[in-house]
Amino acid sequence: MNDFPERVLRIGSRSTPMALAQVEQVSDLLHKIEPELDIEVVPVTTEADKWQGDLAQLGGKGLFVREIDQMLQRGHVDMAVHCIKDVPGDVPMPRGLIFAAYLPRDEVRDALLFPAGSDKRTLDDLPAGAAVATSAVRRKAQINRVRPDINVVRVRGAVGTRVEKLDGGRKTDTKIDAMVLARAGLDRLGLADRARQVFTVDQMLPAVGAGALGLECRKDDDAVAYLLQQLNHERTMTEITAERVMLHGLRGHCNSPIAGHCITEPDGQLALRGMVFSRDGSKFVHAHFWGEGMNDPAVLGSRVSAELLRQGARDIIQGIPH
């Protein structure tokens, strides 16, 4: 089967080991459909990758995808592989671009890591004042909700670099006692054995789009769109739609303290949980609805965001005290 025109398929990607591992995974899947496909990976070190400060000062995590999206719009690359949790929810899709496919979702849960050689296993094992590193406001809020005595410190960089910092192999401003990372990222880099405590979804609600990879291309590039659509996982697409409609309704971006997770129940019914936290975790609102009737993911996402807003989510997101 060789339906794809004879042309090179250029994939735009961040130059981090994680991003390149994801592109390799996608390339393997594409070669199963088109064994003769000529793929060229075009790595780019984005402005956000170079910046070591707080991403919010630079414009948020959306910067990880913006430069690659611009390359796609200009025709410098033909497709991109994005972690959906990095794609902003408060702005429309870039003009002329679509997500043609979502891969089957990986692990959505977060994991707690300790320095190599530590005998600690869980968050409960940490003493008061311990430093737990994470880059996500969502994680910080949920850790401080159950352990307000823990000092959550910000850490940036590629996952491998962060693990080196945890183990003391790289200099940090403060000694790190533990670290929270996405389980899916550890799996993709062969570091799954470093996860000591894997938080349940009840203990730490995931980020919107957690564990999901989206394949993006130009809307008018029919050949690439058709090729990618053959990899689409319908259930993942449906669940992501519910989560992202909720995020959009909350006008949330990647640095907002918002969590959301949609699942498909055994009977096919969708269920979506959403939470919005204050940055220290002391205030939060929560909603959990099922996709009744038409079981429409967009309707479900709208219902959950409306309920969160009714409970005061907008003020919490903007940090307005009550």
Protein backbone atom coordinates (compact mmCIF):
# COMPACT_ATOMS: atom_id res chain seq x y z
CA MET A 1 0.00 0.00 0.00
CA ASN A 2 1.61 3.22 -1.16
CA ASP A 3 -1.06 5.93 -1.26
CA PHE A 4 1.20 8.71 -0.02
CA PRO A 5 2.69 10.85 -2.82
CA GLU A 6 6.42 10.56 -3.38
CA ARG A 7 7.62 13.37 -1.17
CA VAL A 8 9.58 13.72 2.03
CA LEU A 9 7.43 14.02 5.17
CA ARG A 10 9.10 16.62 7.40
CA ILE A 11 8.21 16.38 11.08
CA GLY A 12 8.80 19.45 13.24
CA SER A 13 9.83 18.64 16.80
CA ARG A 14 11.37 20.15 19.90
CA SER A 15 14.97 18.99 20.23
CA THR A 16 14.58 17.47 23.72
CA PRO A 17 15.18 13.72 24.16
CA MET A 18 11.52 13.28 25.13
CA ALA A 19 10.19 15.06 22.03
CA LEU A 20 12.54 13.13 19.73
CA ALA A 21 11.49 9.82 21.36
CA GLN A 22 7.85 10.75 20.64
CA VAL A 23 8.67 11.54 17.00
CA GLU A 24 10.42 8.18 16.69
CA GLN A 25 7.31 6.46 18.02
CA VAL A 26 5.14 8.27 15.45
CA SER A 27 7.62 7.52 12.63
CA ASP A 28 7.46 3.80 13.45
CA LEU A 29 3.65 3.89 13.31
CA LEU A 30 3.68 5.76 9.99
CA HIS A 31 6.12 3.25 8.50
CA LYS A 32 3.68 0.45 9.34
CA ILE A 33 1.14 2.20 7.10
CA GLU A 34 3.63 3.35 4.43
CA PRO A 35 6.81 1.23 4.63
CA GLU A 36 8.55 3.30 1.91
CA LEU A 37 7.76 6.66 3.52
CA ASP A 38 10.72 9.05 3.57
CA ILE A 39 10.67 10.91 6.91
CA GLU A 40 12.89 13.85 7.83
CA VAL A 41 12.90 15.09 11.45
CA VAL A 42 13.39 18.85 11.77
CA PRO A 43 14.41 19.54 15.40
CA VAL A 44 14.11 23.04 16.85
CA THR A 45 15.21 24.39 20.22
CA THR A 46 12.29 26.66 21.10
CA GLU A 47 12.53 29.92 22.98
CA ALA A 48 10.81 28.21 25.92
CA ASP A 49 13.45 25.45 25.94
CA LYS A 50 16.24 28.04 26.16
CA TRP A 51 14.54 30.03 28.95
CA GLN A 52 15.46 28.89 32.47
CA GLY A 53 13.17 31.26 34.38
CA ASP A 54 9.46 31.05 35.15
CA LEU A 55 7.64 30.23 31.90
CA ALA A 56 4.72 32.46 32.90
CA GLN A 57 7.03 35.49 32.51
CA LEU A 58 7.78 34.46 28.93
CA GLY A 59 4.18 33.77 27.97
CA GLY A 60 3.52 30.26 29.23
CA LYS A 61 4.04 26.69 28.11
CA GLY A 62 2.27 27.45 24.82
CA LEU A 63 5.65 28.72 23.61
CA PHE A 64 6.78 25.08 23.34
CA VAL A 65 4.32 24.60 20.48
CA ARG A 66 4.08 28.10 18.98
CA GLU A 67 7.39 28.13 17.09
CA ILE A 68 6.75 24.71 15.60
CA ASP A 69 3.21 25.74 14.63
CA GLN A 70 4.65 28.77 12.80
CA MET A 71 7.06 26.48 10.90
CA LEU A 72 4.06 24.34 9.93
CA GLN A 73 2.02 27.35 8.79
CA ARG A 74 4.93 28.59 6.66
CA GLY A 75 5.41 25.19 5.02
CA HIS A 76 8.87 24.56 6.52
CA VAL A 77 7.58 21.28 7.98
CA ASP A 78 4.57 19.08 7.10
CA MET A 79 3.44 17.90 10.52
CA ALA A 80 4.16 18.22 14.23
CA VAL A 81 3.84 15.94 17.25
CA HIS A 82 2.59 17.80 20.33
CA CYS A 83 1.96 16.77 23.93
CA ILE A 84 -1.64 17.91 24.23
CA LYS A 85 -1.08 19.13 27.80
CA ASP A 86 1.29 21.78 26.33
CA VAL A 87 -1.30 23.11 23.84
CA PRO A 88 -2.99 26.30 25.18
CA GLY A 89 -6.73 26.09 25.81
CA ASP A 90 -7.47 29.82 26.02
CA VAL A 91 -6.77 30.59 22.34
CA PRO A 92 -8.16 29.10 19.12
CA MET A 93 -6.11 26.72 16.98
CA PRO A 94 -3.52 28.55 14.84
CA ARG A 95 -4.98 29.55 11.49
CA GLY A 96 -4.95 26.77 8.91
CA LEU A 97 -3.82 24.00 11.29
CA ILE A 98 -5.71 20.95 12.59
CA PHE A 99 -5.07 17.98 14.81
CA ALA A 100 -5.64 15.18 12.32
CA ALA A 101 -5.09 12.41 14.87
CA TYR A 102 -4.55 11.54 18.50
CA LEU A 103 -2.54 8.47 19.45
CA PRO A 104 -3.94 6.06 22.07
CA ARG A 105 -3.47 7.74 25.40
CA ASP A 106 -0.53 6.73 27.59
CA GLU A 107 -0.41 6.70 31.38
CA VAL A 108 -2.02 9.89 32.77
CA ARG A 109 -0.86 9.68 36.39
CA ASP A 110 1.92 11.61 38.12
CA ALA A 111 4.77 9.89 39.94
CA LEU A 112 6.89 10.79 42.96
CA LEU A 113 10.65 10.20 42.67
CA PHE A 114 13.32 10.24 45.36
CA PRO A 115 17.10 10.66 45.02
CA ALA A 116 18.98 7.49 44.02
CA GLY A 117 19.67 5.42 47.12
CA SER A 118 16.85 6.94 49.20
CA ASP A 119 14.74 4.51 51.22
CA LYS A 120 11.67 6.78 51.12
CA ARG A 121 8.63 5.53 49.21
CA THR A 122 5.74 8.00 49.50
CA LEU A 123 4.83 11.64 50.12
CA ASP A 124 3.95 10.68 53.72
CA ASP A 125 7.60 9.67 54.32
CA LEU A 126 8.81 13.24 53.82
CA PRO A 127 9.42 15.40 56.91
CA ALA A 128 7.91 18.86 57.32
CA GLY A 129 9.83 21.46 55.33
CA ALA A 130 11.06 18.94 52.75
CA ALA A 131 11.62 20.35 49.25
CA VAL A 132 9.57 18.71 46.48
CA ALA A 133 10.37 19.86 42.94
CA THR A 134 7.85 20.29 40.12
CA SER A 135 7.24 22.76 37.31
CA ALA A 136 3.43 22.56 37.44
CA VAL A 137 1.15 24.85 39.44
CA ARG A 138 -1.46 22.05 39.27
CA ARG A 139 0.86 19.64 41.10
CA LYS A 140 2.02 22.23 43.62
CA ALA A 141 -1.57 23.03 44.57
CA GLN A 142 -2.50 19.37 45.00
CA ILE A 143 0.63 18.53 47.03
CA ASN A 144 0.08 21.52 49.33
CA ARG A 145 -3.58 20.62 49.68
CA VAL A 146 -2.63 17.43 51.57
CA ARG A 147 0.84 18.52 52.82
CA PRO A 148 0.82 22.30 53.42
CA ASP A 149 4.04 21.79 55.44
CA ILE A 150 6.01 20.81 52.33
CA ASN A 151 8.07 23.36 50.38
CA VAL A 152 7.27 22.95 46.68
CA VAL A 153 10.11 24.32 44.54
CA ARG A 154 10.10 25.02 40.82
CA VAL A 155 12.32 22.97 38.52
CA ARG A 156 12.63 23.25 34.74
CA GLY A 157 14.48 21.45 32.00
CA ALA A 158 14.28 18.13 30.17
CA VAL A 159 13.14 15.16 32.25
CA GLY A 160 16.59 13.54 32.23
CA THR A 161 18.18 16.79 33.43
CA ARG A 162 15.61 17.08 36.21
CA VAL A 163 16.34 13.54 37.41
CA GLU A 164 20.07 14.40 37.46
CA LYS A 165 19.28 17.44 39.62
CA LEU A 166 17.31 15.19 41.99
CA ASP A 167 20.26 12.80 42.27
CA GLY A 168 22.67 15.67 42.95
CA GLY A 169 24.47 15.31 39.63
CA ARG A 170 23.60 18.86 38.62
CA LYS A 171 23.83 22.01 40.71
CA THR A 172 20.56 23.41 42.07
CA ASP A 173 19.75 26.42 44.23
CA THR A 174 18.27 24.21 46.90
CA LYS A 175 18.63 20.57 47.92
CA ILE A 176 15.75 18.56 46.46
CA ASP A 177 14.20 15.83 48.63
CA ALA A 178 11.72 14.51 46.05
CA MET A 179 10.32 15.32 42.62
CA VAL A 180 7.01 14.89 40.81
CA LEU A 181 7.08 13.99 37.10
CA ALA A 182 4.59 12.56 34.62
CA ARG A 183 4.65 8.76 34.63
CA ALA A 184 4.21 8.73 30.82
CA GLY A 185 7.41 10.76 30.35
CA LEU A 186 9.39 8.38 32.56
CA ASP A 187 8.04 5.45 30.54
CA ARG A 188 9.01 7.05 27.21
CA LEU A 189 12.58 7.64 28.43
CA GLY A 190 13.03 4.19 30.01
CA LEU A 191 13.01 5.66 33.54
CA ALA A 192 9.82 3.98 34.81
CA ASP A 193 11.77 2.19 37.58
CA ARG A 194 12.47 5.59 39.22
CA ALA A 195 8.78 6.10 40.10
CA ARG A 196 8.29 5.23 43.79
CA GLN A 197 4.76 6.45 44.44
CA VAL A 198 2.39 6.66 41.48
CA PHE A 199 -0.44 8.95 42.57
CA THR A 200 -3.98 7.79 41.91
CA VAL A 201 -6.19 10.14 39.90
CA ASP A 202 -8.06 10.84 43.15
CA GLN A 203 -4.82 11.87 44.88
CA MET A 204 -3.60 14.06 42.01
CA LEU A 205 -5.97 14.88 39.17
CA PRO A 206 -4.01 14.98 35.89
CA ALA A 207 -3.46 17.91 33.55
CA VAL A 208 -5.90 18.39 30.70
CA GLY A 209 -4.56 16.25 27.84
CA ALA A 210 -2.15 14.31 30.06
CA GLY A 211 -0.50 11.33 28.37
CA ALA A 212 -1.88 12.19 24.92
CA LEU A 213 0.04 12.99 21.75
CA GLY A 214 -1.63 14.96 18.96
CA LEU A 215 -0.54 14.84 15.32
CA GLU A 216 -0.94 18.25 13.70
CA CYS A 217 -0.81 19.27 10.06
CA ARG A 218 -2.09 21.93 7.67
CA LYS A 219 -5.83 21.76 7.03
CA ASP A 220 -5.34 22.00 3.25
CA ASP A 221 -2.66 19.28 3.05
CA ASP A 222 -5.03 16.44 2.19
CA ALA A 223 -2.30 13.81 1.68
CA VAL A 224 -0.74 14.33 5.13
CA ALA A 225 -4.13 14.70 6.85
CA TYR A 226 -5.33 11.41 5.33
CA LEU A 227 -2.11 9.64 6.31
CA LEU A 228 -2.32 10.85 9.91
CA GLN A 229 -6.04 10.13 10.27
CA GLN A 230 -5.25 6.43 9.85
CA LEU A 231 -3.47 6.60 13.24
CA ASN A 232 -6.34 8.33 15.04
CA HIS A 233 -7.62 6.71 18.25
CA GLU A 234 -11.31 7.61 18.45
CA ARG A 235 -11.73 7.15 22.20
CA THR A 236 -8.72 9.34 23.02
CA MET A 237 -9.99 12.03 20.64
CA THR A 238 -13.41 12.00 22.34
CA GLU A 239 -11.95 12.22 25.86
CA ILE A 240 -9.50 14.99 24.88
CA THR A 241 -12.36 16.95 23.30
CA ALA A 242 -14.30 16.95 26.59
CA GLU A 243 -11.24 18.03 28.59
CA ARG A 244 -10.21 20.79 26.21
CA VAL A 245 -13.74 22.22 25.88
CA MET A 246 -13.75 22.45 29.69
CA LEU A 247 -10.32 24.17 29.65
CA HIS A 248 -11.47 26.59 26.95
CA GLY A 249 -14.63 27.41 28.91
CA LEU A 250 -12.48 28.29 31.93
CA ARG A 251 -10.22 30.38 29.65
CA GLY A 252 -7.39 28.29 31.05
CA HIS A 253 -3.86 28.15 29.74
CA CYS A 254 -1.01 25.78 30.53
CA ASN A 255 0.04 27.73 33.63
CA SER A 256 -3.46 27.85 35.12
CA PRO A 257 -4.03 25.73 38.24
CA ILE A 258 -6.57 23.58 36.37
CA ALA A 259 -6.86 19.79 36.27
CA GLY A 260 -9.24 17.73 34.17
CA HIS A 261 -9.63 14.09 33.27
CA CYS A 262 -12.21 12.36 31.10
CA ILE A 263 -12.68 8.60 30.95
CA THR A 264 -14.95 6.30 29.00
CA GLU A 265 -16.87 4.04 31.38
CA PRO A 266 -17.26 0.32 30.52
CA ASP A 267 -20.78 1.03 29.23
CA GLY A 268 -19.41 3.71 26.85
CA GLN A 269 -20.60 6.68 28.89
CA LEU A 270 -18.15 9.56 29.29
CA ALA A 271 -17.27 10.89 32.74
CA LEU A 272 -15.34 14.15 33.24
CA ARG A 273 -13.83 15.51 36.43
CA GLY A 274 -12.52 19.06 36.62
CA MET A 275 -10.79 20.97 39.41
CA VAL A 276 -9.47 24.51 39.79
CA PHE A 277 -7.08 25.36 42.64
CA SER A 278 -5.57 28.39 44.25
CA ARG A 279 -1.79 28.30 43.85
CA ASP A 280 -1.22 27.12 47.42
CA GLY A 281 -3.97 24.52 47.25
CA SER A 282 -5.92 26.09 50.12
CA LYS A 283 -8.97 26.79 47.92
CA PHE A 284 -10.39 24.60 45.19
CA VAL A 285 -13.59 23.82 43.31
CA HIS A 286 -14.52 20.44 41.87
CA ALA A 287 -17.11 19.12 39.41
CA HIS A 288 -17.78 15.59 38.15
CA PHE A 289 -20.41 14.93 35.47
CA TRP A 290 -21.37 12.10 33.17
CA GLY A 291 -22.17 12.44 29.47
CA GLU A 292 -25.86 11.68 29.65
CA GLY A 293 -28.25 11.59 26.71
CA MET A 294 -26.23 12.20 23.55
CA ASN A 295 -22.95 11.54 25.43
CA ASP A 296 -21.48 14.49 23.52
CA PRO A 297 -17.93 15.34 24.73
CA ALA A 298 -18.27 19.05 23.92
CA VAL A 299 -21.55 19.33 25.85
CA LEU A 300 -19.96 17.47 28.79
CA GLY A 301 -16.92 19.78 28.81
CA SER A 302 -19.19 22.84 28.74
CA ARG A 303 -21.29 21.52 31.65
CA VAL A 304 -18.23 20.89 33.83
CA SER A 305 -16.68 24.31 33.09
CA ALA A 306 -20.03 26.03 33.76
CA GLU A 307 -20.33 24.29 37.13
CA LEU A 308 -16.74 25.20 38.10
CA LEU A 309 -17.37 28.83 37.13
CA ARG A 310 -20.61 28.80 39.16
CA GLN A 311 -18.52 27.71 42.17
CA GLY A 312 -16.09 30.63 41.72
CA ALA A 313 -13.35 29.17 39.48
CA ARG A 314 -12.71 32.48 37.68
CA ASP A 315 -11.73 34.28 40.89
CA ILE A 316 -9.54 31.37 41.98
CA ILE A 317 -7.72 31.30 38.60
CA GLN A 318 -7.12 35.06 38.78
CA GLY A 319 -6.03 34.84 42.42
CA ILE A 320 -8.79 37.08 43.73
CA PRO A 321 -9.23 36.55 47.50
CA HIS A 322 -12.65 35.92 49.03
